[in-house]
């Protein structure tokens, strides 16, 4: 058997559980929809940028320098 996409294979697997008397069609539709939502969330989570620790350290050091500069200017 050959499938052109994972969605085709998932639909076929869902139908086999209906034919086997394990689930009803509404279970299959809900399961496929939930699977697509989980896949979408997982792909979005993988592609979102995460700052590296060095970047966070540099941002913190810059922020500390700005605060120190403001305090010096306020005390003069």
PDB file of N, CA and C in Angstrom:
ATOM      1  N   UNK A   1       0.832  -1.175   0.000  1.00  0.00           N
ATOM      2  CA  UNK A   1       0.000   0.000   0.000  1.00  0.00           C
ATOM      3  C   UNK A   1       0.882   1.247   0.000  1.00  0.00           C
ATOM      4  N   UNK A   2       0.461   2.284  -0.720  1.00  0.00           N
ATOM      5  CA  UNK A   2       1.246   3.510  -0.838  1.00  0.00           C
ATOM      6  C   UNK A   2       0.338   4.713  -0.565  1.00  0.00           C
ATOM      7  N   UNK A   3       0.830   5.646   0.235  1.00  0.00           N
ATOM      8  CA  UNK A   3       0.102   6.878   0.530  1.00  0.00           C
ATOM      9  C   UNK A   3       0.969   8.058   0.120  1.00  0.00           C
ATOM     10  N   UNK A   4       0.334   9.076  -0.437  1.00  0.00           N
ATOM     11  CA  UNK A   4       1.062  10.273  -0.855  1.00  0.00           C
ATOM     12  C   UNK A   4       1.280  11.260   0.284  1.00  0.00           C
ATOM     13  N   UNK A   5       0.536  11.099   1.372  1.00  0.00           N
ATOM     14  CA  UNK A   5       0.693  12.004   2.513  1.00  0.00           C
ATOM     15  C   UNK A   5       0.364  11.262   3.798  1.00  0.00           C
ATOM     16  N   UNK A   6       0.798  11.841   4.898  1.00  0.00           N
ATOM     17  CA  UNK A   6       0.486  11.251   6.194  1.00  0.00           C
ATOM     18  C   UNK A   6      -1.009  11.337   6.471  1.00  0.00           C
ATOM     19  N   UNK A   7      -1.666  12.392   5.979  1.00  0.00           N
ATOM     20  CA  UNK A   7      -3.108  12.557   6.189  1.00  0.00           C
ATOM     21  C   UNK A   7      -3.894  11.421   5.553  1.00  0.00           C
ATOM     22  N   UNK A   8      -3.463  10.972   4.375  1.00  0.00           N
ATOM     23  CA  UNK A   8      -4.132   9.841   3.728  1.00  0.00           C
ATOM     24  C   UNK A   8      -3.986   8.576   4.563  1.00  0.00           C
ATOM     25  N   UNK A   9      -2.807   8.341   5.097  1.00  0.00           N
ATOM     26  CA  UNK A   9      -2.580   7.157   5.929  1.00  0.00           C
ATOM     27  C   UNK A   9      -3.403   7.230   7.209  1.00  0.00           C
ATOM     28  N   UNK A  10      -3.501   8.419   7.812  1.00  0.00           N
ATOM     29  CA  UNK A  10      -4.287   8.575   9.033  1.00  0.00           C
ATOM     30  C   UNK A  10      -5.771   8.345   8.768  1.00  0.00           C
ATOM     31  N   UNK A  11      -6.263   8.849   7.636  1.00  0.00           N
ATOM     32  CA  UNK A  11      -7.668   8.639   7.287  1.00  0.00           C
ATOM     33  C   UNK A  11      -7.955   7.160   7.074  1.00  0.00           C
ATOM     34  N   UNK A  12      -7.052   6.456   6.417  1.00  0.00           N
ATOM     35  CA  UNK A  12      -7.216   5.013   6.192  1.00  0.00           C
ATOM     36  C   UNK A  12      -7.195   4.248   7.513  1.00  0.00           C
ATOM     37  N   UNK A  13      -6.297   4.630   8.415  1.00  0.00           N
ATOM     38  CA  UNK A  13      -6.229   3.963   9.717  1.00  0.00           C
ATOM     39  C   UNK A  13      -7.508   4.201  10.512  1.00  0.00           C
ATOM     40  N   UNK A  14      -8.048   5.415  10.428  1.00  0.00           N
ATOM     41  CA  UNK A  14      -9.304   5.709  11.120  1.00  0.00           C
ATOM     42  C   UNK A  14     -10.457   4.899  10.567  1.00  0.00           C
ATOM     43  N   UNK A  15     -10.521   4.768   9.254  1.00  0.00           N
ATOM     44  CA  UNK A  15     -11.589   3.966   8.635  1.00  0.00           C
ATOM     45  C   UNK A  15     -11.488   2.500   9.042  1.00  0.00           C
ATOM     46  N   UNK A  16     -10.274   1.991   9.192  1.00  0.00           N
ATOM     47  CA  UNK A  16     -10.122   0.581   9.565  1.00  0.00           C
ATOM     48  C   UNK A  16     -10.695   0.321  10.955  1.00  0.00           C
ATOM     49  N   UNK A  17     -10.621   1.293  11.849  1.00  0.00           N
ATOM     50  CA  UNK A  17     -11.181   1.113  13.184  1.00  0.00           C
ATOM     51  C   UNK A  17     -12.709   1.179  13.146  1.00  0.00           C
ATOM     52  N   UNK A  18     -13.256   1.919  12.185  1.00  0.00           N
ATOM     53  CA  UNK A  18     -14.712   1.941  12.020  1.00  0.00           C
ATOM     54  C   UNK A  18     -15.176   0.601  11.463  1.00  0.00           C
ATOM     55  N   UNK A  19     -14.484   0.117  10.426  1.00  0.00           N
ATOM     56  CA  UNK A  19     -14.854  -1.164   9.820  1.00  0.00           C
ATOM     57  C   UNK A  19     -14.705  -2.313  10.811  1.00  0.00           C
ATOM     58  N   UNK A  20     -13.765  -2.195  11.728  1.00  0.00           N
ATOM     59  CA  UNK A  20     -13.558  -3.240  12.730  1.00  0.00           C
ATOM     60  C   UNK A  20     -14.553  -3.173  13.878  1.00  0.00           C
ATOM     61  N   UNK A  21     -15.403  -2.155  13.889  1.00  0.00           N
ATOM     62  CA  UNK A  21     -16.401  -2.032  14.940  1.00  0.00           C
ATOM     63  C   UNK A  21     -15.853  -1.464  16.241  1.00  0.00           C
ATOM     64  N   UNK A  22     -14.682  -0.861  16.184  1.00  0.00           N
ATOM     65  CA  UNK A  22     -14.061  -0.331  17.402  1.00  0.00           C
ATOM     66  C   UNK A  22     -14.570   1.080  17.696  1.00  0.00           C
ATOM     67  N   UNK A  23     -14.729   1.911  16.663  1.00  0.00           N
ATOM     68  CA  UNK A  23     -15.172   3.298  16.828  1.00  0.00           C
ATOM     69  C   UNK A  23     -16.298   3.604  15.851  1.00  0.00           C
ATOM     70  N   UNK A  24     -16.939   4.759  16.086  1.00  0.00           N
ATOM     71  CA  UNK A  24     -17.939   5.287  15.171  1.00  0.00           C
ATOM     72  C   UNK A  24     -17.292   6.391  14.331  1.00  0.00           C
ATOM     73  N   UNK A  25     -18.002   6.844  13.289  1.00  0.00           N
ATOM     74  CA  UNK A  25     -17.445   7.856  12.385  1.00  0.00           C
ATOM     75  C   UNK A  25     -17.152   9.168  13.113  1.00  0.00           C
ATOM     76  N   UNK A  26     -18.034   9.565  14.045  1.00  0.00           N
ATOM     77  CA  UNK A  26     -17.776  10.834  14.741  1.00  0.00           C
ATOM     78  C   UNK A  26     -16.507  10.753  15.590  1.00  0.00           C
ATOM     79  N   UNK A  27     -16.165   9.569  16.090  1.00  0.00           N
ATOM     80  CA  UNK A  27     -14.899   9.403  16.807  1.00  0.00           C
ATOM     81  C   UNK A  27     -13.717   9.601  15.863  1.00  0.00           C
ATOM     82  N   UNK A  28     -13.846   9.074  14.668  1.00  0.00           N
ATOM     83  CA  UNK A  28     -12.782   9.204  13.674  1.00  0.00           C
ATOM     84  C   UNK A  28     -12.574  10.667  13.294  1.00  0.00           C
ATOM     85  N   UNK A  29     -13.670  11.382  13.037  1.00  0.00           N
ATOM     86  CA  UNK A  29     -13.567  12.791  12.647  1.00  0.00           C
ATOM     87  C   UNK A  29     -12.947  13.628  13.766  1.00  0.00           C
ATOM     88  N   UNK A  30     -13.367  13.378  15.000  1.00  0.00           N
ATOM     89  CA  UNK A  30     -12.812  14.132  16.134  1.00  0.00           C
ATOM     90  C   UNK A  30     -11.336  13.808  16.328  1.00  0.00           C
ATOM     91  N   UNK A  31     -10.969  12.552  16.170  1.00  0.00           N
ATOM     92  CA  UNK A  31      -9.569  12.156  16.331  1.00  0.00           C
ATOM     93  C   UNK A  31      -8.669  12.763  15.269  1.00  0.00           C
ATOM     94  N   UNK A  32      -9.137  12.794  14.028  1.00  0.00           N
ATOM     95  CA  UNK A  32      -8.348  13.403  12.954  1.00  0.00           C
ATOM     96  C   UNK A  32      -8.187  14.910  13.173  1.00  0.00           C
ATOM     97  N   UNK A  33      -9.274  15.566  13.600  1.00  0.00           N
ATOM     98  CA  UNK A  33      -9.200  17.011  13.858  1.00  0.00           C
ATOM     99  C   UNK A  33      -8.239  17.299  15.009  1.00  0.00           C
ATOM    100  N   UNK A  34      -8.313  16.498  16.067  1.00  0.00           N
ATOM    101  CA  UNK A  34      -7.418  16.706  17.202  1.00  0.00           C
ATOM    102  C   UNK A  34      -5.968  16.463  16.803  1.00  0.00           C
ATOM    103  N   UNK A  35      -5.743  15.447  15.990  1.00  0.00           N
ATOM    104  CA  UNK A  35      -4.390  15.160  15.524  1.00  0.00           C
ATOM    105  C   UNK A  35      -3.810  16.304  14.706  1.00  0.00           C
ATOM    106  N   UNK A  36      -4.634  16.910  13.855  1.00  0.00           N
ATOM    107  CA  UNK A  36      -4.169  18.059  13.068  1.00  0.00           C
ATOM    108  C   UNK A  36      -3.845  19.247  13.965  1.00  0.00           C
ATOM    109  N   UNK A  37      -4.679  19.470  14.992  1.00  0.00           N
ATOM    110  CA  UNK A  37      -4.419  20.582  15.919  1.00  0.00           C
ATOM    111  C   UNK A  37      -3.126  20.372  16.693  1.00  0.00           C
ATOM    112  N   UNK A  38      -2.887  19.153  17.146  1.00  0.00           N
ATOM    113  CA  UNK A  38      -1.661  18.854  17.886  1.00  0.00           C
ATOM    114  C   UNK A  38      -0.441  19.032  16.978  1.00  0.00           C
ATOM    115  N   UNK A  39      -0.550  18.554  15.741  1.00  0.00           N
ATOM    116  CA  UNK A  39       0.563  18.696  14.796  1.00  0.00           C
ATOM    117  C   UNK A  39       0.845  20.170  14.509  1.00  0.00           C
ATOM    118  N   UNK A  40      -0.211  20.957  14.334  1.00  0.00           N
ATOM    119  CA  UNK A  40      -0.032  22.391  14.073  1.00  0.00           C
ATOM    120  C   UNK A  40       0.661  23.059  15.259  1.00  0.00           C
ATOM    121  N   UNK A  41       0.209  22.757  16.484  1.00  0.00           N
ATOM    122  CA  UNK A  41       0.822  23.342  17.680  1.00  0.00           C
ATOM    123  C   UNK A  41       2.289  22.933  17.790  1.00  0.00           C
ATOM    124  N   UNK A  42       2.579  21.654  17.539  1.00  0.00           N
ATOM    125  CA  UNK A  42       3.957  21.167  17.662  1.00  0.00           C
ATOM    126  C   UNK A  42       4.874  21.850  16.650  1.00  0.00           C
ATOM    127  N   UNK A  43       4.404  21.997  15.424  1.00  0.00           N
ATOM    128  CA  UNK A  43       5.231  22.642  14.403  1.00  0.00           C
ATOM    129  C   UNK A  43       5.441  24.119  14.708  1.00  0.00           C
ATOM    130  N   UNK A  44       4.419  24.793  15.228  1.00  0.00           N
ATOM    131  CA  UNK A  44       4.575  26.203  15.590  1.00  0.00           C
ATOM    132  C   UNK A  44       5.554  26.345  16.750  1.00  0.00           C
ATOM    133  N   UNK A  45       5.499  25.418  17.703  1.00  0.00           N
ATOM    134  CA  UNK A  45       6.396  25.482  18.858  1.00  0.00           C
ATOM    135  C   UNK A  45       7.843  25.244  18.445  1.00  0.00           C
ATOM    136  N   UNK A  46       8.052  24.368  17.488  1.00  0.00           N
ATOM    137  CA  UNK A  46       9.410  24.082  17.044  1.00  0.00           C
ATOM    138  C   UNK A  46      10.022  25.249  16.282  1.00  0.00           C
ATOM    139  N   UNK A  47       9.194  26.006  15.592  1.00  0.00           N
ATOM    140  CA  UNK A  47       9.695  27.087  14.747  1.00  0.00           C
ATOM    141  C   UNK A  47       9.782  28.430  15.457  1.00  0.00           C
ATOM    142  N   UNK A  48       9.310  28.516  16.697  1.00  0.00           N
ATOM    143  CA  UNK A  48       9.374  29.802  17.387  1.00  0.00           C
ATOM    144  C   UNK A  48      10.782  30.038  17.922  1.00  0.00           C
ATOM    145  N   UNK A  49      11.294  31.248  17.758  1.00  0.00           N
ATOM    146  CA  UNK A  49      12.670  31.520  18.196  1.00  0.00           C
ATOM    147  C   UNK A  49      12.785  31.530  19.716  1.00  0.00           C
ATOM    148  N   UNK A  50      13.846  30.957  20.204  1.00  0.00           N
ATOM    149  CA  UNK A  50      14.138  30.935  21.635  1.00  0.00           C
ATOM    150  C   UNK A  50      15.485  31.611  21.836  1.00  0.00           C
ATOM    151  N   UNK A  51      15.536  32.653  22.673  1.00  0.00           N
ATOM    152  CA  UNK A  51      16.819  33.326  22.868  1.00  0.00           C
ATOM    153  C   UNK A  51      17.831  32.416  23.557  1.00  0.00           C
ATOM    154  N   UNK A  52      19.058  32.507  23.118  1.00  0.00           N
ATOM    155  CA  UNK A  52      20.127  31.717  23.726  1.00  0.00           C
ATOM    156  C   UNK A  52      20.535  32.364  25.043  1.00  0.00           C
ATOM    157  N   UNK A  53      21.130  31.596  25.955  1.00  0.00           N
ATOM    158  CA  UNK A  53      21.549  32.165  27.243  1.00  0.00           C
ATOM    159  C   UNK A  53      22.511  33.343  27.100  1.00  0.00           C
ATOM    160  N   UNK A  54      23.411  33.283  26.124  1.00  0.00           N
ATOM    161  CA  UNK A  54      24.361  34.387  25.931  1.00  0.00           C
ATOM    162  C   UNK A  54      23.618  35.655  25.515  1.00  0.00           C
ATOM    163  N   UNK A  55      22.593  35.507  24.689  1.00  0.00           N
ATOM    164  CA  UNK A  55      21.801  36.660  24.269  1.00  0.00           C
ATOM    165  C   UNK A  55      21.107  37.287  25.466  1.00  0.00           C
ATOM    166  N   UNK A  56      20.527  36.438  26.320  1.00  0.00           N
ATOM    167  CA  UNK A  56      19.868  36.958  27.516  1.00  0.00           C
ATOM    168  C   UNK A  56      20.862  37.652  28.439  1.00  0.00           C
ATOM    169  N   UNK A  57      22.056  37.098  28.562  1.00  0.00           N
ATOM    170  CA  UNK A  57      23.095  37.710  29.393  1.00  0.00           C
ATOM    171  C   UNK A  57      23.487  39.080  28.841  1.00  0.00           C
ATOM    172  N   UNK A  58      23.650  39.183  27.534  1.00  0.00           N
ATOM    173  CA  UNK A  58      24.011  40.458  26.908  1.00  0.00           C
ATOM    174  C   UNK A  58      22.901  41.491  27.098  1.00  0.00           C
ATOM    175  N   UNK A  59      21.655  41.061  26.955  1.00  0.00           N
ATOM    176  CA  UNK A  59      20.543  41.986  27.166  1.00  0.00           C
ATOM    177  C   UNK A  59      20.500  42.458  28.615  1.00  0.00           C
ATOM    178  N   UNK A  60      20.724  41.544  29.558  1.00  0.00           N
ATOM    179  CA  UNK A  60      20.735  41.916  30.974  1.00  0.00           C
ATOM    180  C   UNK A  60      21.862  42.880  31.299  1.00  0.00           C
ATOM    181  N   UNK A  61      23.046  42.653  30.733  1.00  0.00           N
ATOM    182  CA  UNK A  61      24.186  43.545  30.969  1.00  0.00           C
ATOM    183  C   UNK A  61      23.906  44.932  30.396  1.00  0.00           C
ATOM    184  N   UNK A  62      23.311  44.993  29.232  1.00  0.00           N
ATOM    185  CA  UNK A  62      22.961  46.280  28.627  1.00  0.00           C
ATOM    186  C   UNK A  62      21.931  47.025  29.451  1.00  0.00           C
ATOM    187  N   UNK A  63      20.950  46.297  29.960  1.00  0.00           N
ATOM    188  CA  UNK A  63      19.930  46.904  30.805  1.00  0.00           C
ATOM    189  C   UNK A  63      20.542  47.441  32.095  1.00  0.00           C
ATOM    190  N   UNK A  64      21.450  46.669  32.697  1.00  0.00           N
ATOM    191  CA  UNK A  64      22.126  47.112  33.923  1.00  0.00           C
ATOM    192  C   UNK A  64      22.951  48.369  33.660  1.00  0.00           C
ATOM    193  N   UNK A  65      23.628  48.435  32.522  1.00  0.00           N
ATOM    194  CA  UNK A  65      24.424  49.619  32.176  1.00  0.00           C
ATOM    195  C   UNK A  65      23.530  50.842  31.999  1.00  0.00           C
ATOM    196  N   UNK A  66      22.376  50.660  31.374  1.00  0.00           N
ATOM    197  CA  UNK A  66      21.450  51.784  31.204  1.00  0.00           C
ATOM    198  C   UNK A  66      20.928  52.282  32.546  1.00  0.00           C
ATOM    199  N   UNK A  67      20.605  51.378  33.448  1.00  0.00           N
ATOM    200  CA  UNK A  67      20.125  51.776  34.769  1.00  0.00           C
ATOM    201  C   UNK A  67      21.203  52.516  35.552  1.00  0.00           C
ATOM    202  N   UNK A  68      22.432  52.029  35.480  1.00  0.00           N
ATOM    203  CA  UNK A  68      23.538  52.683  36.175  1.00  0.00           C
ATOM    204  C   UNK A  68      23.756  54.095  35.627  1.00  0.00           C
ATOM    205  N   UNK A  69      23.651  54.233  34.326  1.00  0.00           N
ATOM    206  CA  UNK A  69      23.838  55.542  33.688  1.00  0.00           C
ATOM    207  C   UNK A  69      22.751  56.522  34.143  1.00  0.00           C
ATOM    208  N   UNK A  70      21.496  56.037  34.234  1.00  0.00           N
ATOM    209  CA  UNK A  70      20.394  56.895  34.679  1.00  0.00           C
ATOM    210  C   UNK A  70      20.590  57.336  36.123  1.00  0.00           C
ATOM    211  N   UNK A  71      21.047  56.413  36.966  1.00  0.00           N
ATOM    212  CA  UNK A  71      21.262  56.752  38.373  1.00  0.00           C
ATOM    213  C   UNK A  71      22.373  57.793  38.526  1.00  0.00           C
ATOM    214  N   UNK A  72      23.431  57.635  37.754  1.00  0.00           N
ATOM    215  CA  UNK A  72      24.533  58.614  37.809  1.00  0.00           C
ATOM    216  C   UNK A  72      24.055  59.987  37.347  1.00  0.00           C
ATOM    217  N   UNK A  73      23.270  60.009  36.281  1.00  0.00           N
ATOM    218  CA  UNK A  73      22.768  61.282  35.756  1.00  0.00           C
ATOM    219  C   UNK A  73      21.809  61.931  36.752  1.00  0.00           C
ATOM    220  N   UNK A  74      21.023  61.127  37.455  1.00  0.00           N
ATOM    221  CA  UNK A  74      20.068  61.667  38.421  1.00  0.00           C
ATOM    222  C   UNK A  74      20.776  62.205  39.659  1.00  0.00           C
ATOM    223  N   UNK A  75      21.914  61.610  40.031  1.00  0.00           N
ATOM    224  CA  UNK A  75      22.626  62.045  41.237  1.00  0.00           C
ATOM    225  C   UNK A  75      23.479  63.286  40.994  1.00  0.00           C
ATOM    226  N   UNK A  76      23.751  63.628  39.757  1.00  0.00           N
ATOM    227  CA  UNK A  76      24.596  64.801  39.438  1.00  0.00           C
ATOM    228  C   UNK A  76      23.833  66.073  39.449  1.00  0.00           C
TER     229      UNK A  76
END
